[in-house]
Amino acid sequence: MPGKIVFQVLYTSEAGYAFTRDDLALLLAGARRRNAAVDLTGMLVFAQNLFLQVLEGRAEDVLATFARIEVDSRHKNITTLFRGNAPAGRLFAEWAMGFQLIADADDLPAGLVRVHERINLAQFDHLSALEFLSACQRSLAPA
């Protein structure tokens, strides 16, 4: 999308219920399908019943997707960390939706550590959240 303005929404939320790996697989399959249809890209991390996600693409598509998430019972206590034009453009261009499940310390990207054996996705600000998502992206092969 060279030369075009890229819009991002970056948020955290709590899972509306205790997600299983099958629940996450279904959520991810639907997100990838819908995102690919409107050329949205992004990255999703799930850890300790919390989501951290960035969506990027055309503003109207990102906002429509985020509006669906805001009323989706699978998410509660949504906190928007950033909503606006992305100065750096697309950061996750090769992913309709990259995904990282962080079930234990071994799942963290290299160089990152947990505090008291936990990672709290809700404590990130906009820039630290993007840095964390980028580190997760680098630890995965594109899907």
N, C-alpha and C. Protein backbone atom coordinates (compact mmCIF):
# COMPACT_ATOMS: atom_id res chain seq x y z
N MET A 1 0.83 -1.18 0.00
CA MET A 1 0.00 0.00 0.00
C MET A 1 0.88 1.25 0.00
N PRO A 2 1.92 1.28 -0.80
CA PRO A 2 2.81 2.43 -0.82
C PRO A 2 2.07 3.71 -1.18
N GLY A 3 2.40 4.78 -0.48
CA GLY A 3 1.81 6.07 -0.79
C GLY A 3 0.41 6.29 -0.24
N LYS A 4 -0.19 5.28 0.31
CA LYS A 4 -1.54 5.44 0.86
C LYS A 4 -1.46 5.55 2.37
N ILE A 5 -2.38 6.30 2.91
CA ILE A 5 -2.45 6.45 4.36
C ILE A 5 -2.96 5.16 4.96
N VAL A 6 -2.28 4.70 5.99
CA VAL A 6 -2.67 3.49 6.70
C VAL A 6 -3.23 3.91 8.05
N PHE A 7 -4.39 3.37 8.38
CA PHE A 7 -5.05 3.66 9.64
C PHE A 7 -4.84 2.46 10.56
N GLN A 8 -4.64 2.73 11.84
CA GLN A 8 -4.46 1.66 12.82
C GLN A 8 -5.39 1.83 14.01
N VAL A 9 -5.81 0.71 14.54
CA VAL A 9 -6.42 0.66 15.87
C VAL A 9 -5.63 -0.39 16.64
N LEU A 10 -5.20 -0.01 17.82
CA LEU A 10 -4.44 -0.88 18.71
C LEU A 10 -5.20 -0.92 20.02
N TYR A 11 -5.50 -2.12 20.51
CA TYR A 11 -6.31 -2.22 21.73
C TYR A 11 -5.94 -3.45 22.54
N THR A 12 -6.36 -3.43 23.79
CA THR A 12 -6.32 -4.61 24.65
C THR A 12 -7.76 -4.89 25.08
N SER A 13 -8.01 -6.16 25.39
CA SER A 13 -9.32 -6.53 25.94
C SER A 13 -9.15 -7.80 26.76
N GLU A 14 -10.12 -8.02 27.62
CA GLU A 14 -10.20 -9.28 28.36
C GLU A 14 -11.09 -10.22 27.57
N ALA A 15 -10.77 -11.49 27.62
CA ALA A 15 -11.63 -12.49 26.98
C ALA A 15 -12.95 -12.55 27.75
N GLY A 16 -14.04 -12.67 27.00
CA GLY A 16 -15.36 -12.73 27.61
C GLY A 16 -15.63 -14.03 28.35
N TYR A 17 -14.79 -15.03 28.10
CA TYR A 17 -14.89 -16.33 28.77
C TYR A 17 -13.53 -17.01 28.65
N ALA A 18 -13.36 -18.15 29.28
CA ALA A 18 -12.08 -18.87 29.24
C ALA A 18 -11.92 -19.55 27.87
N PHE A 19 -11.08 -18.99 27.04
CA PHE A 19 -10.86 -19.50 25.69
C PHE A 19 -10.06 -20.79 25.70
N THR A 20 -10.48 -21.73 24.88
CA THR A 20 -9.69 -22.93 24.62
C THR A 20 -8.88 -22.69 23.36
N ARG A 21 -7.96 -23.58 23.06
CA ARG A 21 -7.20 -23.47 21.81
C ARG A 21 -8.13 -23.56 20.61
N ASP A 22 -9.18 -24.38 20.70
CA ASP A 22 -10.16 -24.48 19.61
C ASP A 22 -10.92 -23.16 19.43
N ASP A 23 -11.29 -22.51 20.53
CA ASP A 23 -11.96 -21.21 20.45
C ASP A 23 -11.07 -20.19 19.75
N LEU A 24 -9.79 -20.19 20.11
CA LEU A 24 -8.84 -19.26 19.49
C LEU A 24 -8.67 -19.56 18.01
N ALA A 25 -8.63 -20.84 17.65
CA ALA A 25 -8.48 -21.21 16.24
C ALA A 25 -9.69 -20.73 15.43
N LEU A 26 -10.89 -20.86 15.97
CA LEU A 26 -12.09 -20.39 15.28
C LEU A 26 -12.10 -18.87 15.15
N LEU A 27 -11.75 -18.17 16.22
CA LEU A 27 -11.69 -16.71 16.18
C LEU A 27 -10.68 -16.26 15.12
N LEU A 28 -9.52 -16.89 15.11
CA LEU A 28 -8.46 -16.51 14.18
C LEU A 28 -8.85 -16.80 12.73
N ALA A 29 -9.45 -17.95 12.47
CA ALA A 29 -9.86 -18.30 11.10
C ALA A 29 -10.87 -17.28 10.56
N GLY A 30 -11.84 -16.91 11.38
CA GLY A 30 -12.83 -15.91 10.96
C GLY A 30 -12.20 -14.55 10.72
N ALA A 31 -11.30 -14.15 11.62
CA ALA A 31 -10.64 -12.85 11.49
C ALA A 31 -9.79 -12.80 10.22
N ARG A 32 -9.05 -13.86 9.97
CA ARG A 32 -8.20 -13.88 8.76
C ARG A 32 -9.03 -13.80 7.49
N ARG A 33 -10.14 -14.51 7.47
CA ARG A 33 -11.01 -14.51 6.29
C ARG A 33 -11.61 -13.12 6.05
N ARG A 34 -12.16 -12.52 7.10
CA ARG A 34 -12.77 -11.19 6.97
C ARG A 34 -11.72 -10.13 6.65
N ASN A 35 -10.57 -10.21 7.30
CA ASN A 35 -9.52 -9.22 7.07
C ASN A 35 -8.98 -9.30 5.65
N ALA A 36 -8.76 -10.50 5.15
CA ALA A 36 -8.23 -10.66 3.79
C ALA A 36 -9.21 -10.08 2.76
N ALA A 37 -10.50 -10.20 3.04
CA ALA A 37 -11.51 -9.71 2.10
C ALA A 37 -11.46 -8.19 1.92
N VAL A 38 -10.97 -7.46 2.94
CA VAL A 38 -10.92 -5.99 2.85
C VAL A 38 -9.49 -5.46 2.99
N ASP A 39 -8.50 -6.34 2.83
CA ASP A 39 -7.09 -5.96 2.87
C ASP A 39 -6.68 -5.34 4.20
N LEU A 40 -7.19 -5.90 5.31
CA LEU A 40 -6.71 -5.51 6.63
C LEU A 40 -5.56 -6.42 7.01
N THR A 41 -4.60 -5.87 7.72
CA THR A 41 -3.50 -6.66 8.25
C THR A 41 -3.39 -6.38 9.74
N GLY A 42 -2.59 -7.19 10.43
CA GLY A 42 -2.44 -6.95 11.85
C GLY A 42 -1.81 -8.11 12.57
N MET A 43 -1.83 -8.00 13.89
CA MET A 43 -1.23 -9.00 14.76
C MET A 43 -2.07 -9.10 16.02
N LEU A 44 -2.27 -10.33 16.48
CA LEU A 44 -3.06 -10.61 17.68
C LEU A 44 -2.21 -11.47 18.61
N VAL A 45 -2.17 -11.09 19.88
CA VAL A 45 -1.51 -11.89 20.91
C VAL A 45 -2.54 -12.20 21.98
N PHE A 46 -2.51 -13.43 22.48
CA PHE A 46 -3.40 -13.85 23.56
C PHE A 46 -2.54 -14.40 24.68
N ALA A 47 -2.69 -13.85 25.88
CA ALA A 47 -1.93 -14.30 27.04
C ALA A 47 -2.78 -14.10 28.29
N GLN A 48 -2.91 -15.13 29.08
CA GLN A 48 -3.60 -15.06 30.37
C GLN A 48 -4.96 -14.39 30.27
N ASN A 49 -5.73 -14.84 29.28
CA ASN A 49 -7.09 -14.38 29.06
C ASN A 49 -7.20 -12.91 28.64
N LEU A 50 -6.10 -12.37 28.11
CA LEU A 50 -6.09 -11.00 27.59
C LEU A 50 -5.68 -11.02 26.12
N PHE A 51 -6.28 -10.12 25.35
CA PHE A 51 -5.93 -9.92 23.95
C PHE A 51 -5.17 -8.61 23.81
N LEU A 52 -4.22 -8.60 22.90
CA LEU A 52 -3.57 -7.38 22.43
C LEU A 52 -3.58 -7.49 20.93
N GLN A 53 -4.15 -6.49 20.26
CA GLN A 53 -4.29 -6.57 18.81
C GLN A 53 -4.08 -5.22 18.15
N VAL A 54 -3.47 -5.26 16.97
CA VAL A 54 -3.40 -4.10 16.10
C VAL A 54 -4.05 -4.49 14.78
N LEU A 55 -4.89 -3.59 14.27
CA LEU A 55 -5.52 -3.72 12.96
C LEU A 55 -5.02 -2.56 12.12
N GLU A 56 -4.73 -2.80 10.85
CA GLU A 56 -4.26 -1.72 9.99
C GLU A 56 -4.80 -1.89 8.58
N GLY A 57 -5.09 -0.76 7.95
CA GLY A 57 -5.63 -0.75 6.60
C GLY A 57 -6.33 0.57 6.33
N ARG A 58 -7.34 0.54 5.44
CA ARG A 58 -8.13 1.75 5.18
C ARG A 58 -8.97 2.07 6.41
N ALA A 59 -9.08 3.34 6.73
CA ALA A 59 -9.77 3.76 7.95
C ALA A 59 -11.16 3.15 8.07
N GLU A 60 -11.95 3.22 6.99
CA GLU A 60 -13.33 2.73 7.09
C GLU A 60 -13.38 1.23 7.39
N ASP A 61 -12.43 0.46 6.86
CA ASP A 61 -12.41 -0.98 7.10
C ASP A 61 -11.93 -1.31 8.51
N VAL A 62 -10.91 -0.60 8.96
CA VAL A 62 -10.40 -0.81 10.32
C VAL A 62 -11.48 -0.44 11.33
N LEU A 63 -12.13 0.70 11.13
CA LEU A 63 -13.15 1.15 12.08
C LEU A 63 -14.37 0.23 12.08
N ALA A 64 -14.76 -0.28 10.92
CA ALA A 64 -15.89 -1.22 10.87
C ALA A 64 -15.55 -2.52 11.60
N THR A 65 -14.34 -2.99 11.41
CA THR A 65 -13.90 -4.21 12.11
C THR A 65 -13.84 -3.99 13.61
N PHE A 66 -13.28 -2.87 14.01
CA PHE A 66 -13.20 -2.57 15.44
C PHE A 66 -14.58 -2.40 16.06
N ALA A 67 -15.51 -1.82 15.33
CA ALA A 67 -16.88 -1.67 15.83
C ALA A 67 -17.50 -3.04 16.10
N ARG A 68 -17.22 -4.02 15.24
CA ARG A 68 -17.71 -5.39 15.48
C ARG A 68 -17.09 -5.99 16.74
N ILE A 69 -15.79 -5.74 16.92
CA ILE A 69 -15.09 -6.26 18.10
C ILE A 69 -15.67 -5.65 19.37
N GLU A 70 -15.99 -4.36 19.33
CA GLU A 70 -16.49 -3.68 20.52
C GLU A 70 -17.81 -4.25 21.02
N VAL A 71 -18.59 -4.87 20.15
CA VAL A 71 -19.88 -5.45 20.58
C VAL A 71 -19.83 -6.98 20.62
N ASP A 72 -18.67 -7.55 20.38
CA ASP A 72 -18.50 -9.01 20.38
C ASP A 72 -18.37 -9.49 21.82
N SER A 73 -19.19 -10.44 22.21
CA SER A 73 -19.19 -10.94 23.60
C SER A 73 -17.90 -11.68 23.95
N ARG A 74 -17.07 -11.98 22.97
CA ARG A 74 -15.79 -12.64 23.26
C ARG A 74 -14.77 -11.65 23.84
N HIS A 75 -15.10 -10.35 23.79
CA HIS A 75 -14.23 -9.30 24.33
C HIS A 75 -14.98 -8.48 25.37
N LYS A 76 -14.29 -8.10 26.43
CA LYS A 76 -14.86 -7.18 27.42
C LYS A 76 -13.73 -6.27 27.90
N ASN A 77 -14.11 -5.17 28.52
CA ASN A 77 -13.14 -4.21 29.05
C ASN A 77 -12.09 -3.82 28.01
N ILE A 78 -12.56 -3.39 26.87
CA ILE A 78 -11.68 -2.99 25.78
C ILE A 78 -11.06 -1.63 26.09
N THR A 79 -9.75 -1.55 25.92
CA THR A 79 -9.01 -0.30 26.09
C THR A 79 -8.31 0.01 24.78
N THR A 80 -8.65 1.15 24.19
CA THR A 80 -8.01 1.57 22.94
C THR A 80 -6.70 2.28 23.28
N LEU A 81 -5.59 1.75 22.77
CA LEU A 81 -4.28 2.34 23.01
C LEU A 81 -3.90 3.34 21.93
N PHE A 82 -4.39 3.13 20.72
CA PHE A 82 -4.13 4.04 19.62
C PHE A 82 -5.20 3.88 18.57
N ARG A 83 -5.59 5.00 17.99
CA ARG A 83 -6.59 5.01 16.92
C ARG A 83 -6.25 6.20 16.03
N GLY A 84 -5.72 5.92 14.83
CA GLY A 84 -5.36 7.02 13.95
C GLY A 84 -4.47 6.57 12.82
N ASN A 85 -3.99 7.55 12.06
CA ASN A 85 -3.10 7.26 10.95
C ASN A 85 -1.76 6.77 11.49
N ALA A 86 -1.25 5.74 10.86
CA ALA A 86 0.00 5.11 11.30
C ALA A 86 1.18 5.80 10.63
N PRO A 87 1.99 6.53 11.37
CA PRO A 87 3.10 7.27 10.77
C PRO A 87 4.07 6.37 10.02
N ALA A 88 4.26 5.14 10.47
CA ALA A 88 5.23 4.23 9.84
C ALA A 88 4.60 3.37 8.76
N GLY A 89 3.31 3.55 8.48
CA GLY A 89 2.64 2.70 7.49
C GLY A 89 2.33 1.33 8.07
N ARG A 90 2.12 0.38 7.18
CA ARG A 90 1.79 -0.99 7.64
C ARG A 90 3.01 -1.63 8.28
N LEU A 91 2.82 -2.14 9.46
CA LEU A 91 3.87 -2.84 10.17
C LEU A 91 3.73 -4.35 10.04
N PHE A 92 2.54 -4.82 9.67
CA PHE A 92 2.26 -6.24 9.63
C PHE A 92 1.70 -6.64 8.27
N ALA A 93 2.30 -6.10 7.21
CA ALA A 93 1.75 -6.20 5.86
C ALA A 93 1.59 -7.63 5.37
N GLU A 94 2.40 -8.56 5.86
CA GLU A 94 2.30 -9.93 5.35
C GLU A 94 1.29 -10.80 6.10
N TRP A 95 0.57 -10.21 7.03
CA TRP A 95 -0.35 -10.98 7.86
C TRP A 95 -1.79 -10.49 7.71
N ALA A 96 -2.71 -11.34 7.26
CA ALA A 96 -4.13 -11.00 7.37
C ALA A 96 -4.47 -10.93 8.86
N MET A 97 -3.81 -11.75 9.65
CA MET A 97 -3.83 -11.64 11.10
C MET A 97 -2.78 -12.58 11.65
N GLY A 98 -1.63 -12.02 12.02
CA GLY A 98 -0.62 -12.82 12.70
C GLY A 98 -1.13 -13.17 14.08
N PHE A 99 -0.62 -14.25 14.64
CA PHE A 99 -1.12 -14.68 15.95
C PHE A 99 -0.01 -15.30 16.77
N GLN A 100 0.01 -14.96 18.05
CA GLN A 100 0.92 -15.57 19.00
C GLN A 100 0.15 -15.88 20.28
N LEU A 101 0.15 -17.15 20.66
CA LEU A 101 -0.40 -17.57 21.95
C LEU A 101 0.77 -17.62 22.92
N ILE A 102 0.63 -16.91 24.01
CA ILE A 102 1.68 -16.93 25.02
C ILE A 102 1.12 -17.66 26.24
N ALA A 103 1.37 -18.96 26.24
CA ALA A 103 0.85 -19.81 27.32
C ALA A 103 1.84 -19.92 28.47
N ASP A 104 3.14 -19.83 28.17
CA ASP A 104 4.15 -19.87 29.22
C ASP A 104 5.38 -19.07 28.78
N ALA A 105 6.36 -18.98 29.65
CA ALA A 105 7.53 -18.14 29.39
C ALA A 105 8.27 -18.55 28.12
N ASP A 106 8.21 -19.81 27.75
CA ASP A 106 8.89 -20.27 26.53
C ASP A 106 8.28 -19.68 25.27
N ASP A 107 7.04 -19.19 25.34
CA ASP A 107 6.35 -18.63 24.18
C ASP A 107 6.69 -17.16 23.93
N LEU A 108 7.36 -16.53 24.87
CA LEU A 108 7.72 -15.12 24.69
C LEU A 108 8.80 -14.99 23.62
N PRO A 109 8.73 -13.93 22.83
CA PRO A 109 9.80 -13.68 21.87
C PRO A 109 11.14 -13.52 22.59
N ALA A 110 12.22 -13.84 21.89
CA ALA A 110 13.56 -13.75 22.47
C ALA A 110 13.79 -12.35 23.06
N GLY A 111 14.40 -12.32 24.22
CA GLY A 111 14.75 -11.05 24.85
C GLY A 111 13.69 -10.49 25.77
N LEU A 112 12.52 -11.08 25.81
CA LEU A 112 11.46 -10.59 26.68
C LEU A 112 11.30 -11.53 27.87
N VAL A 113 10.99 -10.97 29.01
CA VAL A 113 10.81 -11.77 30.22
C VAL A 113 9.51 -11.40 30.90
N ARG A 114 9.02 -12.32 31.69
CA ARG A 114 7.82 -12.07 32.48
C ARG A 114 8.23 -11.50 33.84
N VAL A 115 7.32 -10.78 34.44
CA VAL A 115 7.51 -10.31 35.80
C VAL A 115 6.62 -11.18 36.68
N HIS A 116 7.21 -11.82 37.66
CA HIS A 116 6.47 -12.70 38.56
C HIS A 116 5.71 -13.78 37.77
N GLU A 117 6.37 -14.31 36.73
CA GLU A 117 5.80 -15.38 35.91
C GLU A 117 4.52 -15.00 35.17
N ARG A 118 4.28 -13.71 35.00
CA ARG A 118 3.09 -13.25 34.29
C ARG A 118 3.48 -12.18 33.29
N ILE A 119 2.68 -12.06 32.26
CA ILE A 119 2.82 -10.92 31.35
C ILE A 119 1.45 -10.26 31.33
N ASN A 120 1.42 -8.98 31.53
CA ASN A 120 0.15 -8.26 31.58
C ASN A 120 0.04 -7.37 30.35
N LEU A 121 -0.69 -7.85 29.36
CA LEU A 121 -0.85 -7.10 28.12
C LEU A 121 -1.57 -5.78 28.35
N ALA A 122 -2.34 -5.69 29.42
CA ALA A 122 -3.11 -4.47 29.69
C ALA A 122 -2.23 -3.33 30.19
N GLN A 123 -0.97 -3.59 30.53
CA GLN A 123 -0.11 -2.53 31.05
C GLN A 123 0.69 -1.80 29.96
N PHE A 124 0.55 -2.25 28.72
CA PHE A 124 1.29 -1.60 27.63
C PHE A 124 0.69 -0.25 27.28
N ASP A 125 1.55 0.68 26.85
CA ASP A 125 1.08 1.87 26.18
C ASP A 125 1.20 1.63 24.68
N HIS A 126 0.85 2.62 23.88
CA HIS A 126 0.83 2.47 22.43
C HIS A 126 2.17 1.99 21.88
N LEU A 127 3.25 2.66 22.21
CA LEU A 127 4.55 2.31 21.63
C LEU A 127 5.09 0.99 22.14
N SER A 128 4.96 0.73 23.44
CA SER A 128 5.46 -0.55 23.95
C SER A 128 4.62 -1.71 23.42
N ALA A 129 3.33 -1.49 23.19
CA ALA A 129 2.48 -2.53 22.61
C ALA A 129 2.92 -2.85 21.18
N LEU A 130 3.20 -1.83 20.39
CA LEU A 130 3.67 -2.06 19.01
C LEU A 130 5.02 -2.76 19.00
N GLU A 131 5.91 -2.38 19.91
CA GLU A 131 7.21 -3.05 20.00
C GLU A 131 7.03 -4.53 20.36
N PHE A 132 6.14 -4.81 21.30
CA PHE A 132 5.89 -6.18 21.70
C PHE A 132 5.28 -6.98 20.55
N LEU A 133 4.29 -6.43 19.87
CA LEU A 133 3.67 -7.11 18.74
C LEU A 133 4.69 -7.35 17.63
N SER A 134 5.56 -6.39 17.38
CA SER A 134 6.61 -6.56 16.37
C SER A 134 7.58 -7.67 16.77
N ALA A 135 7.93 -7.76 18.04
CA ALA A 135 8.80 -8.84 18.51
C ALA A 135 8.12 -10.19 18.34
N CYS A 136 6.82 -10.25 18.61
CA CYS A 136 6.08 -11.50 18.39
C CYS A 136 6.07 -11.85 16.91
N GLN A 137 5.86 -10.86 16.07
CA GLN A 137 5.84 -11.08 14.62
C GLN A 137 7.18 -11.66 14.14
N ARG A 138 8.29 -11.09 14.61
CA ARG A 138 9.60 -11.55 14.19
C ARG A 138 9.87 -12.98 14.61
N SER A 139 9.20 -13.43 15.67
CA SER A 139 9.43 -14.80 16.16
C SER A 139 8.61 -15.84 15.40
N LEU A 140 7.75 -15.39 14.51
CA LEU A 140 6.86 -16.29 13.76
C LEU A 140 7.20 -16.26 12.28
N ALA A 141 6.83 -17.31 11.59
CA ALA A 141 6.89 -17.30 10.11
C ALA A 141 5.56 -16.78 9.61
N PRO A 142 5.52 -15.99 8.54
CA PRO A 142 4.24 -15.48 8.02
C PRO A 142 3.27 -16.60 7.71
N ALA A 143 1.98 -16.31 8.01
CA ALA A 143 0.92 -17.30 7.75
C ALA A 143 -0.14 -16.69 6.88
